[in-house]
Protein backbone atom coordinates (compact mmCIF):
# COMPACT_ATOMS: atom_id res chain seq x y z
CA MET A 1 0.00 0.00 0.00
CA GLY A 2 1.47 3.35 -1.06
CA ILE A 3 1.80 6.35 1.19
CA ASP A 4 -1.05 8.82 0.75
CA LYS A 5 0.89 12.11 0.67
CA LYS A 6 -2.27 14.18 0.66
CA GLU A 7 -3.48 12.51 3.85
CA ILE A 8 -0.08 12.98 5.50
CA MET A 9 -0.15 16.68 4.60
CA LYS A 10 -3.67 16.96 6.01
CA GLN A 11 -2.54 15.41 9.29
CA GLN A 12 0.43 17.75 9.47
CA ARG A 13 -1.85 20.70 8.76
CA GLU A 14 -4.14 19.71 11.63
CA ARG A 15 -1.12 19.41 13.90
CA MET A 16 -0.01 22.89 12.84
CA ILE A 17 -3.46 24.27 13.71
CA ARG A 18 -3.47 22.51 17.06
CA GLU A 19 0.10 23.30 18.18
CA HIS A 20 0.93 26.63 16.56
CA ILE A 21 -2.38 28.41 15.88
CA SER A 22 -5.25 27.50 18.21
CA SER A 23 -2.98 26.95 21.21
CA ARG A 24 -1.64 30.51 20.96
CA ASP A 25 -3.54 33.78 20.64
CA ILE A 26 -5.37 33.04 17.40
CA SER A 27 -9.07 32.95 18.29
CA ASP A 28 -10.78 34.12 15.08
CA GLN A 29 -12.49 30.97 13.84
CA ARG A 30 -12.62 32.22 10.25
CA VAL A 31 -8.85 32.63 10.28
CA ILE A 32 -8.37 29.16 11.78
CA ASP A 33 -10.67 27.66 9.15
CA ALA A 34 -8.81 29.46 6.35
CA MET A 35 -5.50 28.09 7.62
CA ARG A 36 -7.03 24.61 7.79
CA GLU A 37 -8.42 24.80 4.25
CA THR A 38 -5.26 26.13 2.57
CA GLU A 39 -2.64 23.59 1.49
CA ARG A 40 0.68 25.30 2.26
CA GLU A 41 2.64 22.60 0.43
CA LEU A 42 1.24 23.88 -2.87
CA PHE A 43 3.06 27.18 -2.37
CA ILE A 44 6.56 25.81 -1.67
CA GLN A 45 9.18 23.82 -3.54
CA GLU A 46 8.75 20.04 -3.33
CA LYS A 47 12.11 19.58 -1.60
CA TYR A 48 10.70 21.44 1.41
CA PHE A 49 7.49 19.38 1.70
CA ILE A 50 8.71 17.70 4.88
CA ASP A 51 8.73 21.14 6.53
CA ALA A 52 5.51 22.40 4.93
CA TYR A 53 3.71 22.78 8.27
CA GLY A 54 6.60 23.63 10.53
CA ASP A 55 6.14 26.99 12.21
CA HIS A 56 8.95 28.75 10.40
CA PRO A 57 9.61 30.54 7.10
CA LEU A 58 10.81 28.64 4.03
CA PRO A 59 12.74 29.88 0.98
CA ILE A 60 10.75 30.31 -2.23
CA GLY A 61 13.59 31.52 -4.46
CA HIS A 62 14.80 34.98 -5.50
CA GLY A 63 15.91 35.69 -1.93
CA GLN A 64 12.31 35.61 -0.68
CA THR A 65 10.48 33.45 1.86
CA ILE A 66 7.03 32.16 2.71
CA SER A 67 6.13 33.41 6.20
CA GLN A 68 5.71 31.13 9.19
CA PRO A 69 2.09 29.97 9.65
CA TYR A 70 1.59 31.65 13.03
CA ILE A 71 2.56 35.07 11.67
CA VAL A 72 0.26 34.58 8.67
CA ALA A 73 -2.57 33.77 11.06
CA LEU A 74 -1.73 36.65 13.40
CA MET A 75 -1.60 39.25 10.63
CA SER A 76 -4.84 37.90 9.18
CA GLN A 77 -6.55 38.11 12.56
CA LEU A 78 -5.33 41.69 13.08
CA CYS A 79 -7.13 42.68 9.87
CA GLU A 80 -10.49 42.03 11.61
CA PHE A 81 -12.19 40.74 8.50
CA THR A 82 -15.96 40.70 8.07
CA GLY A 83 -15.83 39.15 4.60
CA GLU A 84 -16.72 42.31 2.65
CA GLU A 85 -13.30 43.97 2.51
CA LYS A 86 -11.32 45.20 -0.45
CA VAL A 87 -7.69 44.32 0.31
CA LEU A 88 -4.29 45.40 -0.96
CA GLU A 89 -1.42 43.03 -0.22
CA ILE A 90 2.14 44.24 -0.74
CA GLY A 91 4.46 41.29 -1.43
CA CYS A 92 2.57 38.36 -2.94
CA GLY A 93 5.64 36.10 -2.84
CA SER A 94 4.49 32.49 -2.98
CA GLY A 95 0.80 33.47 -2.87
CA TYR A 96 0.13 31.67 0.44
CA GLN A 97 -0.96 34.75 2.40
CA ALA A 98 -3.14 35.81 -0.54
CA ALA A 99 -4.78 32.37 -0.53
CA ILE A 100 -5.66 32.85 3.15
CA LEU A 101 -6.98 36.34 2.41
CA SER A 102 -9.13 34.98 -0.42
CA ARG A 103 -11.14 33.01 2.16
CA LEU A 104 -11.54 36.00 4.47
CA ALA A 105 -12.23 39.02 2.26
CA LYS A 106 -14.23 39.90 -0.84
CA GLU A 107 -11.58 41.24 -3.21
CA ILE A 108 -7.78 41.07 -3.05
CA TYR A 109 -5.15 42.88 -5.08
CA SER A 110 -1.65 41.51 -4.45
CA ILE A 111 1.46 43.32 -5.73
CA GLU A 112 4.71 41.42 -6.33
CA ARG A 113 7.86 43.19 -7.53
CA ILE A 114 9.53 40.00 -8.89
CA ASP A 115 7.82 39.02 -12.13
CA ALA A 116 8.71 35.30 -11.93
CA LEU A 117 7.12 35.06 -8.47
CA ALA A 118 4.07 37.05 -9.56
CA GLN A 119 3.44 34.73 -12.50
CA LYS A 120 3.94 31.57 -10.44
CA ALA A 121 1.76 32.76 -7.56
CA GLY A 122 -0.96 33.91 -9.93
CA GLN A 123 -1.06 30.48 -11.57
CA ILE A 124 -1.21 28.60 -8.25
CA LEU A 125 -3.93 30.89 -6.91
CA SER A 126 -5.96 30.39 -10.08
CA ASP A 127 -5.44 26.62 -10.02
CA THR A 128 -6.56 26.42 -6.37
CA GLY A 129 -9.75 28.40 -6.95
CA CYS A 130 -8.71 31.70 -5.35
CA LEU A 131 -10.52 33.62 -8.07
CA ASN A 132 -11.03 36.80 -6.03
CA VAL A 133 -7.27 37.47 -6.01
CA LYS A 134 -5.59 39.55 -8.71
CA VAL A 135 -1.78 39.37 -8.73
CA ILE A 136 -0.03 42.44 -10.15
CA HIS A 137 3.65 42.76 -11.05
CA GLY A 138 4.69 46.17 -9.77
CA ASP A 139 6.22 48.40 -7.12
CA GLY A 140 4.57 47.99 -3.72
CA PHE A 141 5.73 51.42 -2.59
CA GLU A 142 3.29 52.93 -5.09
CA GLY A 143 0.31 50.85 -4.03
CA LEU A 144 -2.64 50.85 -6.44
CA PRO A 145 -4.10 54.36 -6.43
CA ASP A 146 -6.52 53.56 -9.25
CA GLU A 147 -8.18 50.88 -7.07
CA ALA A 148 -8.07 52.80 -3.77
CA PRO A 149 -9.40 53.16 -1.17
CA PHE A 150 -8.75 49.80 0.51
CA ASP A 151 -10.37 48.51 3.69
CA VAL A 152 -7.23 46.53 4.51
CA ILE A 153 -3.61 46.95 3.42
CA LEU A 154 -1.23 44.19 4.46
CA LEU A 155 2.55 44.23 3.94
CA THR A 156 4.53 40.99 3.89
CA ALA A 157 7.92 42.72 3.61
CA ALA A 158 9.40 45.34 5.91
CA PRO A 159 9.95 48.96 4.88
CA ASP A 160 11.98 51.36 7.03
CA ARG A 161 8.74 53.25 7.53
CA ILE A 162 5.24 52.99 6.10
CA PRO A 163 5.07 54.78 2.74
CA GLN A 164 2.71 57.76 2.87
CA LYS A 165 1.24 56.67 -0.48
CA LEU A 166 -0.09 53.51 1.19
CA ILE A 167 -1.60 55.38 4.12
CA ASP A 168 -3.27 57.71 1.61
CA GLN A 169 -4.90 54.67 -0.04
CA LEU A 170 -6.44 53.43 3.22
CA ALA A 171 -10.22 53.84 3.58
CA ASP A 172 -11.81 55.48 6.59
CA ASN A 173 -11.81 52.86 9.38
CA GLY A 174 -9.32 50.93 7.26
CA ARG A 175 -6.59 48.78 8.81
CA LEU A 176 -2.96 48.55 7.73
CA ILE A 177 -0.80 45.70 9.08
CA ALA A 178 2.93 45.76 8.45
CA PRO A 179 6.39 44.84 9.72
CA VAL A 180 8.55 47.96 9.98
CA GLY A 181 12.29 48.40 10.55
CA GLU A 182 15.67 47.03 9.59
CA SER A 183 17.60 44.83 12.04
CA ILE A 184 14.87 45.20 14.67
CA GLN A 185 11.39 45.01 13.16
CA LYS A 186 8.06 45.75 14.80
CA LEU A 187 4.72 44.44 13.57
CA ILE A 188 2.40 47.42 13.67
CA LYS A 189 -1.30 47.99 13.15
CA ILE A 190 -2.55 51.31 11.81
CA VAL A 191 -6.22 52.31 11.84
CA ARG A 192 -7.44 55.34 9.93
CA LYS A 193 -10.17 57.36 11.62
CA GLY A 194 -10.93 60.25 9.32
CA GLU A 195 -7.80 62.41 9.32
CA ASN A 196 -6.42 60.65 12.39
CA ILE A 197 -3.96 57.76 12.07
CA LEU A 198 -3.82 55.48 15.11
CA SER A 199 -0.80 53.21 15.42
CA GLU A 200 -0.07 50.30 17.75
CA VAL A 201 2.92 47.95 18.10
CA ILE A 202 1.84 44.31 18.23
CA THR A 203 5.08 42.33 18.55
CA TYR A 204 8.59 41.94 17.17
CA VAL A 205 9.08 40.06 13.89
CA ARG A 206 11.60 39.31 11.16
CA PHE A 207 10.68 39.79 7.48
CA VAL A 208 12.63 40.27 4.27
CA PRO A 209 13.11 43.97 3.49
CA MET A 210 10.65 45.79 1.26
CA VAL A 211 12.49 46.84 -1.89
CA LYS A 212 11.48 49.67 -4.20
CA GLY A 213 10.94 49.02 -7.89
CA SER A 214 10.15 45.82 -9.78
CA ASN A 215 12.06 43.33 -11.88
């Protein structure tokens, strides 16, 4: 009898939920369900399958990584989704975070500066039925002014400071979640209340740097 890899991955996914998501401070059931329904192994190279559900980042090529599951869940929970949001993601990477977002929000635009990653992520997202995600090859520092305002803006790479252009594209009562900093990075949450910008530090993190331009 052959080994059912899909069943093994499912068991590992349930273990990830149990040990690294539900047992910590992730209480939003919609986020937990999205993590349970999304096959992380589809977004990584086959040689890393054994680590698909370990709670740590994995390389995806081009000097980029797929974030650890707990941080994906935490950032998703901080967005406070109702299901009706229009979302801008900066840093599509593998497409894994976008796949989670597709189960939590109405419409997602995901910018990726590296064309090869954008094309690959777009194909995987399409193949896995995440049809409410549009992947765009471009410069995340510019955002998408033609599609603004956004209810949620989520950064998966760390700038030195939040670009003003992104804050300007945030809707009233909109939430922006981002890692910020160089050697020491803070995960911050910004909420826009009219002309007021409220900011809060959530925890310390480590992300790849956010780089201007596209290639």
